[in-house]
């Protein structure tokens, strides 16, 4: 599913390493690797045992709400644009 809620922040190298593994394998690798501990990524990995379309939509709404808050509070020019990403 191509939604922002289906992404976590990791480096490009780790994204390639994780590839198209299922969620349980990605979760296992995530905690065994020297991955940058992004707060959102940790929350996702610690909150779910399974990853499905319902959870993706929940995360999409949560992230959209946050981005809208930042945009209206801080303004677009102050929000970083370049973010590494990986789909779960």
PDB file of N, CA and C in Angstrom:
ATOM      1  N   UNK A   1       0.857  -1.173   0.000  1.00  0.00           N
ATOM      2  CA  UNK A   1       0.000   0.000   0.000  1.00  0.00           C
ATOM      3  C   UNK A   1       0.898   1.228   0.000  1.00  0.00           C
ATOM      4  N   UNK A   2       0.684   2.106  -0.938  1.00  0.00           N
ATOM      5  CA  UNK A   2       1.516   3.289  -1.103  1.00  0.00           C
ATOM      6  C   UNK A   2       0.927   4.474  -0.327  1.00  0.00           C
ATOM      7  N   UNK A   3       1.140   4.475   0.979  1.00  0.00           N
ATOM      8  CA  UNK A   3       0.657   5.529   1.883  1.00  0.00           C
ATOM      9  C   UNK A   3       1.794   5.934   2.801  1.00  0.00           C
ATOM     10  N   UNK A   4       1.764   7.175   3.267  1.00  0.00           N
ATOM     11  CA  UNK A   4       2.804   7.652   4.181  1.00  0.00           C
ATOM     12  C   UNK A   4       2.821   6.835   5.471  1.00  0.00           C
ATOM     13  N   UNK A   5       1.677   6.293   5.865  1.00  0.00           N
ATOM     14  CA  UNK A   5       1.609   5.476   7.063  1.00  0.00           C
ATOM     15  C   UNK A   5       2.285   4.122   6.919  1.00  0.00           C
ATOM     16  N   UNK A   6       2.715   3.793   5.698  1.00  0.00           N
ATOM     17  CA  UNK A   6       3.395   2.532   5.443  1.00  0.00           C
ATOM     18  C   UNK A   6       4.903   2.738   5.326  1.00  0.00           C
ATOM     19  N   UNK A   7       5.392   3.856   5.823  1.00  0.00           N
ATOM     20  CA  UNK A   7       6.812   4.187   5.732  1.00  0.00           C
ATOM     21  C   UNK A   7       7.412   4.400   7.118  1.00  0.00           C
ATOM     22  N   UNK A   8       8.688   4.046   7.251  1.00  0.00           N
ATOM     23  CA  UNK A   8       9.454   4.409   8.438  1.00  0.00           C
ATOM     24  C   UNK A   8      10.752   5.046   7.963  1.00  0.00           C
ATOM     25  N   UNK A   9      11.374   5.799   8.823  1.00  0.00           N
ATOM     26  CA  UNK A   9      12.622   6.470   8.468  1.00  0.00           C
ATOM     27  C   UNK A   9      13.806   5.563   8.768  1.00  0.00           C
ATOM     28  N   UNK A  10      14.507   5.158   7.718  1.00  0.00           N
ATOM     29  CA  UNK A  10      15.739   4.390   7.850  1.00  0.00           C
ATOM     30  C   UNK A  10      16.666   4.802   6.718  1.00  0.00           C
ATOM     31  N   UNK A  11      17.907   4.425   6.822  1.00  0.00           N
ATOM     32  CA  UNK A  11      18.869   4.776   5.778  1.00  0.00           C
ATOM     33  C   UNK A  11      18.586   3.988   4.505  1.00  0.00           C
ATOM     34  N   UNK A  12      19.090   4.480   3.398  1.00  0.00           N
ATOM     35  CA  UNK A  12      18.906   3.809   2.113  1.00  0.00           C
ATOM     36  C   UNK A  12      19.511   2.403   2.122  1.00  0.00           C
ATOM     37  N   UNK A  13      20.687   2.252   2.746  1.00  0.00           N
ATOM     38  CA  UNK A  13      21.331   0.939   2.820  1.00  0.00           C
ATOM     39  C   UNK A  13      20.460  -0.079   3.554  1.00  0.00           C
ATOM     40  N   UNK A  14      19.878   0.335   4.672  1.00  0.00           N
ATOM     41  CA  UNK A  14      19.006  -0.574   5.420  1.00  0.00           C
ATOM     42  C   UNK A  14      17.713  -0.855   4.665  1.00  0.00           C
ATOM     43  N   UNK A  15      17.227   0.124   3.941  1.00  0.00           N
ATOM     44  CA  UNK A  15      16.036  -0.075   3.129  1.00  0.00           C
ATOM     45  C   UNK A  15      16.278  -1.178   2.101  1.00  0.00           C
ATOM     46  N   UNK A  16      17.449  -1.150   1.461  1.00  0.00           N
ATOM     47  CA  UNK A  16      17.812  -2.176   0.480  1.00  0.00           C
ATOM     48  C   UNK A  16      17.937  -3.534   1.171  1.00  0.00           C
ATOM     49  N   UNK A  17      18.551  -3.551   2.350  1.00  0.00           N
ATOM     50  CA  UNK A  17      18.751  -4.801   3.090  1.00  0.00           C
ATOM     51  C   UNK A  17      17.410  -5.429   3.488  1.00  0.00           C
ATOM     52  N   UNK A  18      16.446  -4.623   3.886  1.00  0.00           N
ATOM     53  CA  UNK A  18      15.142  -5.132   4.309  1.00  0.00           C
ATOM     54  C   UNK A  18      14.313  -5.600   3.121  1.00  0.00           C
ATOM     55  N   UNK A  19      14.452  -4.914   1.994  1.00  0.00           N
ATOM     56  CA  UNK A  19      13.763  -5.315   0.766  1.00  0.00           C
ATOM     57  C   UNK A  19      12.287  -5.577   0.960  1.00  0.00           C
ATOM     58  N   UNK A  20      11.836  -6.706   0.444  1.00  0.00           N
ATOM     59  CA  UNK A  20      10.419  -7.071   0.488  1.00  0.00           C
ATOM     60  C   UNK A  20      10.122  -8.154   1.522  1.00  0.00           C
ATOM     61  N   UNK A  21      10.890  -8.176   2.591  1.00  0.00           N
ATOM     62  CA  UNK A  21      10.626  -9.140   3.661  1.00  0.00           C
ATOM     63  C   UNK A  21       9.284  -8.843   4.312  1.00  0.00           C
ATOM     64  N   UNK A  22       8.686  -9.843   4.954  1.00  0.00           N
ATOM     65  CA  UNK A  22       7.439  -9.574   5.648  1.00  0.00           C
ATOM     66  C   UNK A  22       7.722  -8.785   6.932  1.00  0.00           C
ATOM     67  N   UNK A  23       6.670  -8.265   7.534  1.00  0.00           N
ATOM     68  CA  UNK A  23       6.806  -7.360   8.675  1.00  0.00           C
ATOM     69  C   UNK A  23       7.573  -7.987   9.832  1.00  0.00           C
ATOM     70  N   UNK A  24       7.277  -9.258  10.160  1.00  0.00           N
ATOM     71  CA  UNK A  24       7.957  -9.897  11.295  1.00  0.00           C
ATOM     72  C   UNK A  24       9.460  -9.989  11.066  1.00  0.00           C
ATOM     73  N   UNK A  25       9.874 -10.308   9.840  1.00  0.00           N
ATOM     74  CA  UNK A  25      11.303 -10.376   9.524  1.00  0.00           C
ATOM     75  C   UNK A  25      11.949  -8.992   9.562  1.00  0.00           C
ATOM     76  N   UNK A  26      11.254  -7.989   9.029  1.00  0.00           N
ATOM     77  CA  UNK A  26      11.777  -6.618   9.072  1.00  0.00           C
ATOM     78  C   UNK A  26      11.925  -6.138  10.512  1.00  0.00           C
ATOM     79  N   UNK A  27      10.931  -6.473  11.342  1.00  0.00           N
ATOM     80  CA  UNK A  27      10.964  -6.071  12.754  1.00  0.00           C
ATOM     81  C   UNK A  27      12.160  -6.710  13.450  1.00  0.00           C
ATOM     82  N   UNK A  28      12.378  -7.995  13.193  1.00  0.00           N
ATOM     83  CA  UNK A  28      13.508  -8.711  13.777  1.00  0.00           C
ATOM     84  C   UNK A  28      14.829  -8.069  13.340  1.00  0.00           C
ATOM     85  N   UNK A  29      14.978  -7.812  12.056  1.00  0.00           N
ATOM     86  CA  UNK A  29      16.197  -7.182  11.540  1.00  0.00           C
ATOM     87  C   UNK A  29      16.392  -5.772  12.101  1.00  0.00           C
ATOM     88  N   UNK A  30      15.276  -5.056  12.241  1.00  0.00           N
ATOM     89  CA  UNK A  30      15.338  -3.683  12.744  1.00  0.00           C
ATOM     90  C   UNK A  30      16.018  -3.633  14.107  1.00  0.00           C
ATOM     91  N   UNK A  31      15.624  -4.539  14.998  1.00  0.00           N
ATOM     92  CA  UNK A  31      16.174  -4.518  16.347  1.00  0.00           C
ATOM     93  C   UNK A  31      17.536  -5.188  16.456  1.00  0.00           C
ATOM     94  N   UNK A  32      17.930  -5.963  15.451  1.00  0.00           N
ATOM     95  CA  UNK A  32      19.246  -6.593  15.442  1.00  0.00           C
ATOM     96  C   UNK A  32      20.288  -5.727  14.734  1.00  0.00           C
ATOM     97  N   UNK A  33      19.856  -4.734  13.994  1.00  0.00           N
ATOM     98  CA  UNK A  33      20.757  -3.905  13.197  1.00  0.00           C
ATOM     99  C   UNK A  33      21.162  -2.646  13.950  1.00  0.00           C
ATOM    100  N   UNK A  34      22.167  -1.998  13.437  1.00  0.00           N
ATOM    101  CA  UNK A  34      22.588  -0.697  13.977  1.00  0.00           C
ATOM    102  C   UNK A  34      21.831   0.412  13.256  1.00  0.00           C
ATOM    103  N   UNK A  35      20.536   0.386  13.407  1.00  0.00           N
ATOM    104  CA  UNK A  35      19.686   1.352  12.717  1.00  0.00           C
ATOM    105  C   UNK A  35      19.487   2.573  13.592  1.00  0.00           C
ATOM    106  N   UNK A  36      19.417   3.717  12.934  1.00  0.00           N
ATOM    107  CA  UNK A  36      19.180   4.974  13.632  1.00  0.00           C
ATOM    108  C   UNK A  36      17.848   4.870  14.376  1.00  0.00           C
ATOM    109  N   UNK A  37      17.793   5.198  15.649  1.00  0.00           N
ATOM    110  CA  UNK A  37      16.573   5.037  16.439  1.00  0.00           C
ATOM    111  C   UNK A  37      15.597   6.207  16.268  1.00  0.00           C
ATOM    112  N   UNK A  38      14.991   6.326  15.078  1.00  0.00           N
ATOM    113  CA  UNK A  38      13.984   7.358  14.870  1.00  0.00           C
ATOM    114  C   UNK A  38      12.774   7.046  15.742  1.00  0.00           C
ATOM    115  N   UNK A  39      12.269   8.050  16.388  1.00  0.00           N
ATOM    116  CA  UNK A  39      11.171   7.874  17.339  1.00  0.00           C
ATOM    117  C   UNK A  39       9.948   7.208  16.691  1.00  0.00           C
ATOM    118  N   UNK A  40       9.568   7.664  15.513  1.00  0.00           N
ATOM    119  CA  UNK A  40       8.397   7.081  14.846  1.00  0.00           C
ATOM    120  C   UNK A  40       8.640   5.618  14.488  1.00  0.00           C
ATOM    121  N   UNK A  41       9.817   5.313  14.000  1.00  0.00           N
ATOM    122  CA  UNK A  41      10.141   3.935  13.619  1.00  0.00           C
ATOM    123  C   UNK A  41      10.071   3.017  14.835  1.00  0.00           C
ATOM    124  N   UNK A  42      10.619   3.464  15.949  1.00  0.00           N
ATOM    125  CA  UNK A  42      10.556   2.670  17.178  1.00  0.00           C
ATOM    126  C   UNK A  42       9.120   2.464  17.636  1.00  0.00           C
ATOM    127  N   UNK A  43       8.313   3.505  17.552  1.00  0.00           N
ATOM    128  CA  UNK A  43       6.911   3.401  17.954  1.00  0.00           C
ATOM    129  C   UNK A  43       6.195   2.354  17.115  1.00  0.00           C
ATOM    130  N   UNK A  44       6.384   2.409  15.803  1.00  0.00           N
ATOM    131  CA  UNK A  44       5.723   1.452  14.918  1.00  0.00           C
ATOM    132  C   UNK A  44       6.183   0.040  15.219  1.00  0.00           C
ATOM    133  N   UNK A  45       7.485  -0.151  15.306  1.00  0.00           N
ATOM    134  CA  UNK A  45       8.018  -1.494  15.523  1.00  0.00           C
ATOM    135  C   UNK A  45       7.618  -2.067  16.887  1.00  0.00           C
ATOM    136  N   UNK A  46       7.485  -1.218  17.889  1.00  0.00           N
ATOM    137  CA  UNK A  46       7.115  -1.685  19.230  1.00  0.00           C
ATOM    138  C   UNK A  46       5.607  -1.828  19.423  1.00  0.00           C
ATOM    139  N   UNK A  47       4.822  -1.182  18.576  1.00  0.00           N
ATOM    140  CA  UNK A  47       3.370  -1.161  18.771  1.00  0.00           C
ATOM    141  C   UNK A  47       2.621  -2.298  18.094  1.00  0.00           C
ATOM    142  N   UNK A  48       3.207  -2.869  17.067  1.00  0.00           N
ATOM    143  CA  UNK A  48       2.456  -3.835  16.263  1.00  0.00           C
ATOM    144  C   UNK A  48       3.192  -5.158  16.126  1.00  0.00           C
ATOM    145  N   UNK A  49       2.417  -6.245  16.171  1.00  0.00           N
ATOM    146  CA  UNK A  49       2.943  -7.570  15.875  1.00  0.00           C
ATOM    147  C   UNK A  49       2.680  -7.926  14.414  1.00  0.00           C
ATOM    148  N   UNK A  50       1.615  -7.356  13.867  1.00  0.00           N
ATOM    149  CA  UNK A  50       1.262  -7.559  12.466  1.00  0.00           C
ATOM    150  C   UNK A  50       1.140  -6.208  11.793  1.00  0.00           C
ATOM    151  N   UNK A  51       1.307  -6.189  10.483  1.00  0.00           N
ATOM    152  CA  UNK A  51       1.203  -4.949   9.717  1.00  0.00           C
ATOM    153  C   UNK A  51       0.221  -5.189   8.592  1.00  0.00           C
ATOM    154  N   UNK A  52      -0.915  -4.495   8.612  1.00  0.00           N
ATOM    155  CA  UNK A  52      -1.936  -4.695   7.592  1.00  0.00           C
ATOM    156  C   UNK A  52      -2.518  -3.349   7.182  1.00  0.00           C
ATOM    157  N   UNK A  53      -3.466  -3.375   6.261  1.00  0.00           N
ATOM    158  CA  UNK A  53      -4.006  -2.128   5.713  1.00  0.00           C
ATOM    159  C   UNK A  53      -4.683  -1.269   6.783  1.00  0.00           C
ATOM    160  N   UNK A  54      -5.305  -1.874   7.781  1.00  0.00           N
ATOM    161  CA  UNK A  54      -5.941  -1.100   8.862  1.00  0.00           C
ATOM    162  C   UNK A  54      -4.894  -0.303   9.651  1.00  0.00           C
ATOM    163  N   UNK A  55      -3.788  -0.950   9.984  1.00  0.00           N
ATOM    164  CA  UNK A  55      -2.728  -0.270  10.738  1.00  0.00           C
ATOM    165  C   UNK A  55      -2.050   0.805   9.887  1.00  0.00           C
ATOM    166  N   UNK A  56      -1.908   0.536   8.596  1.00  0.00           N
ATOM    167  CA  UNK A  56      -1.323   1.532   7.693  1.00  0.00           C
ATOM    168  C   UNK A  56      -2.195   2.779   7.656  1.00  0.00           C
ATOM    169  N   UNK A  57      -3.503   2.609   7.588  1.00  0.00           N
ATOM    170  CA  UNK A  57      -4.407   3.768   7.563  1.00  0.00           C
ATOM    171  C   UNK A  57      -4.378   4.525   8.885  1.00  0.00           C
ATOM    172  N   UNK A  58      -4.264   3.813  10.001  1.00  0.00           N
ATOM    173  CA  UNK A  58      -4.146   4.470  11.307  1.00  0.00           C
ATOM    174  C   UNK A  58      -2.890   5.342  11.339  1.00  0.00           C
ATOM    175  N   UNK A  59      -1.759   4.769  10.910  1.00  0.00           N
ATOM    176  CA  UNK A  59      -0.502   5.523  10.889  1.00  0.00           C
ATOM    177  C   UNK A  59      -0.553   6.683   9.903  1.00  0.00           C
ATOM    178  N   UNK A  60      -1.212   6.474   8.757  1.00  0.00           N
ATOM    179  CA  UNK A  60      -1.346   7.540   7.762  1.00  0.00           C
ATOM    180  C   UNK A  60      -2.095   8.726   8.352  1.00  0.00           C
ATOM    181  N   UNK A  61      -3.191   8.462   9.047  1.00  0.00           N
ATOM    182  CA  UNK A  61      -3.964   9.540   9.674  1.00  0.00           C
ATOM    183  C   UNK A  61      -3.151  10.244  10.756  1.00  0.00           C
ATOM    184  N   UNK A  62      -2.426   9.469  11.561  1.00  0.00           N
ATOM    185  CA  UNK A  62      -1.629  10.059  12.635  1.00  0.00           C
ATOM    186  C   UNK A  62      -0.528  10.952  12.064  1.00  0.00           C
ATOM    187  N   UNK A  63       0.171  10.480  11.050  1.00  0.00           N
ATOM    188  CA  UNK A  63       1.256  11.258  10.445  1.00  0.00           C
ATOM    189  C   UNK A  63       0.698  12.484   9.736  1.00  0.00           C
ATOM    190  N   UNK A  64      -0.413  12.321   9.031  1.00  0.00           N
ATOM    191  CA  UNK A  64      -1.036  13.456   8.341  1.00  0.00           C
ATOM    192  C   UNK A  64      -1.450  14.539   9.325  1.00  0.00           C
ATOM    193  N   UNK A  65      -2.012  14.122  10.468  1.00  0.00           N
ATOM    194  CA  UNK A  65      -2.395  15.075  11.499  1.00  0.00           C
ATOM    195  C   UNK A  65      -1.167  15.838  11.995  1.00  0.00           C
ATOM    196  N   UNK A  66      -0.080  15.111  12.266  1.00  0.00           N
ATOM    197  CA  UNK A  66       1.150  15.733  12.738  1.00  0.00           C
ATOM    198  C   UNK A  66       1.708  16.705  11.702  1.00  0.00           C
ATOM    199  N   UNK A  67       1.782  16.279  10.446  1.00  0.00           N
ATOM    200  CA  UNK A  67       2.326  17.148   9.396  1.00  0.00           C
ATOM    201  C   UNK A  67       1.470  18.392   9.208  1.00  0.00           C
ATOM    202  N   UNK A  68       0.143  18.245   9.303  1.00  0.00           N
ATOM    203  CA  UNK A  68      -0.737  19.397   9.207  1.00  0.00           C
ATOM    204  C   UNK A  68      -0.501  20.349  10.376  1.00  0.00           C
ATOM    205  N   UNK A  69      -0.322  19.806  11.570  1.00  0.00           N
ATOM    206  CA  UNK A  69      -0.040  20.624  12.749  1.00  0.00           C
ATOM    207  C   UNK A  69       1.267  21.396  12.571  1.00  0.00           C
ATOM    208  N   UNK A  70       2.304  20.704  12.128  1.00  0.00           N
ATOM    209  CA  UNK A  70       3.594  21.361  11.917  1.00  0.00           C
ATOM    210  C   UNK A  70       3.469  22.433  10.846  1.00  0.00           C
ATOM    211  N   UNK A  71       2.777  22.127   9.767  1.00  0.00           N
ATOM    212  CA  UNK A  71       2.627  23.078   8.678  1.00  0.00           C
ATOM    213  C   UNK A  71       1.895  24.338   9.122  1.00  0.00           C
ATOM    214  N   UNK A  72       0.850  24.187   9.909  1.00  0.00           N
ATOM    215  CA  UNK A  72       0.084  25.354  10.333  1.00  0.00           C
ATOM    216  C   UNK A  72       0.739  26.092  11.498  1.00  0.00           C
ATOM    217  N   UNK A  73       1.530  25.375  12.299  1.00  0.00           N
ATOM    218  CA  UNK A  73       2.182  25.985  13.453  1.00  0.00           C
ATOM    219  C   UNK A  73       3.526  26.608  13.099  1.00  0.00           C
ATOM    220  N   UNK A  74       4.342  25.856  12.391  1.00  0.00           N
ATOM    221  CA  UNK A  74       5.697  26.295  12.081  1.00  0.00           C
ATOM    222  C   UNK A  74       5.767  26.970  10.717  1.00  0.00           C
ATOM    223  N   UNK A  75       5.036  26.463   9.763  1.00  0.00           N
ATOM    224  CA  UNK A  75       5.091  26.975   8.401  1.00  0.00           C
ATOM    225  C   UNK A  75       5.918  26.063   7.527  1.00  0.00           C
ATOM    226  N   UNK A  76       5.549  25.971   6.271  1.00  0.00           N
ATOM    227  CA  UNK A  76       6.194  25.047   5.344  1.00  0.00           C
ATOM    228  C   UNK A  76       7.683  25.287   5.177  1.00  0.00           C
ATOM    229  N   UNK A  77       8.138  26.497   5.208  1.00  0.00           N
ATOM    230  CA  UNK A  77       9.546  26.773   4.912  1.00  0.00           C
ATOM    231  C   UNK A  77      10.493  26.234   5.991  1.00  0.00           C
ATOM    232  N   UNK A  78       9.965  25.924   7.191  1.00  0.00           N
ATOM    233  CA  UNK A  78      10.808  25.448   8.277  1.00  0.00           C
ATOM    234  C   UNK A  78      10.794  23.925   8.436  1.00  0.00           C
ATOM    235  N   UNK A  79      10.035  23.220   7.611  1.00  0.00           N
ATOM    236  CA  UNK A  79       9.923  21.769   7.730  1.00  0.00           C
ATOM    237  C   UNK A  79      10.939  21.112   6.798  1.00  0.00           C
ATOM    238  N   UNK A  80      11.781  20.195   7.303  1.00  0.00           N
ATOM    239  CA  UNK A  80      12.761  19.533   6.436  1.00  0.00           C
ATOM    240  C   UNK A  80      12.069  18.698   5.374  1.00  0.00           C
ATOM    241  N   UNK A  81      12.600  18.730   4.157  1.00  0.00           N
ATOM    242  CA  UNK A  81      11.996  18.037   3.046  1.00  0.00           C
ATOM    243  C   UNK A  81      12.650  16.685   2.792  1.00  0.00           C
ATOM    244  N   UNK A  82      13.957  16.582   2.932  1.00  0.00           N
ATOM    245  CA  UNK A  82      14.675  15.379   2.568  1.00  0.00           C
ATOM    246  C   UNK A  82      14.658  14.365   3.694  1.00  0.00           C
ATOM    247  N   UNK A  83      13.891  13.286   3.522  1.00  0.00           N
ATOM    248  CA  UNK A  83      13.786  12.237   4.525  1.00  0.00           C
ATOM    249  C   UNK A  83      13.986  10.884   3.858  1.00  0.00           C
ATOM    250  N   UNK A  84      14.817  10.025   4.467  1.00  0.00           N
ATOM    251  CA  UNK A  84      14.929   8.664   3.975  1.00  0.00           C
ATOM    252  C   UNK A  84      13.685   7.912   4.338  1.00  0.00           C
ATOM    253  N   UNK A  85      13.288   6.900   3.567  1.00  0.00           N
ATOM    254  CA  UNK A  85      12.059   6.202   3.860  1.00  0.00           C
ATOM    255  C   UNK A  85      12.127   4.749   3.434  1.00  0.00           C
ATOM    256  N   UNK A  86      11.332   3.949   4.071  1.00  0.00           N
ATOM    257  CA  UNK A  86      11.223   2.528   3.735  1.00  0.00           C
ATOM    258  C   UNK A  86       9.799   2.102   3.961  1.00  0.00           C
ATOM    259  N   UNK A  87       9.238   1.337   3.048  1.00  0.00           N
ATOM    260  CA  UNK A  87       7.885   0.829   3.288  1.00  0.00           C
ATOM    261  C   UNK A  87       7.980  -0.426   4.130  1.00  0.00           C
ATOM    262  N   UNK A  88       7.026  -0.573   5.007  1.00  0.00           N
ATOM    263  CA  UNK A  88       6.970  -1.728   5.895  1.00  0.00           C
ATOM    264  C   UNK A  88       6.368  -2.818   5.142  1.00  0.00           C
TER     265      UNK A  88
END
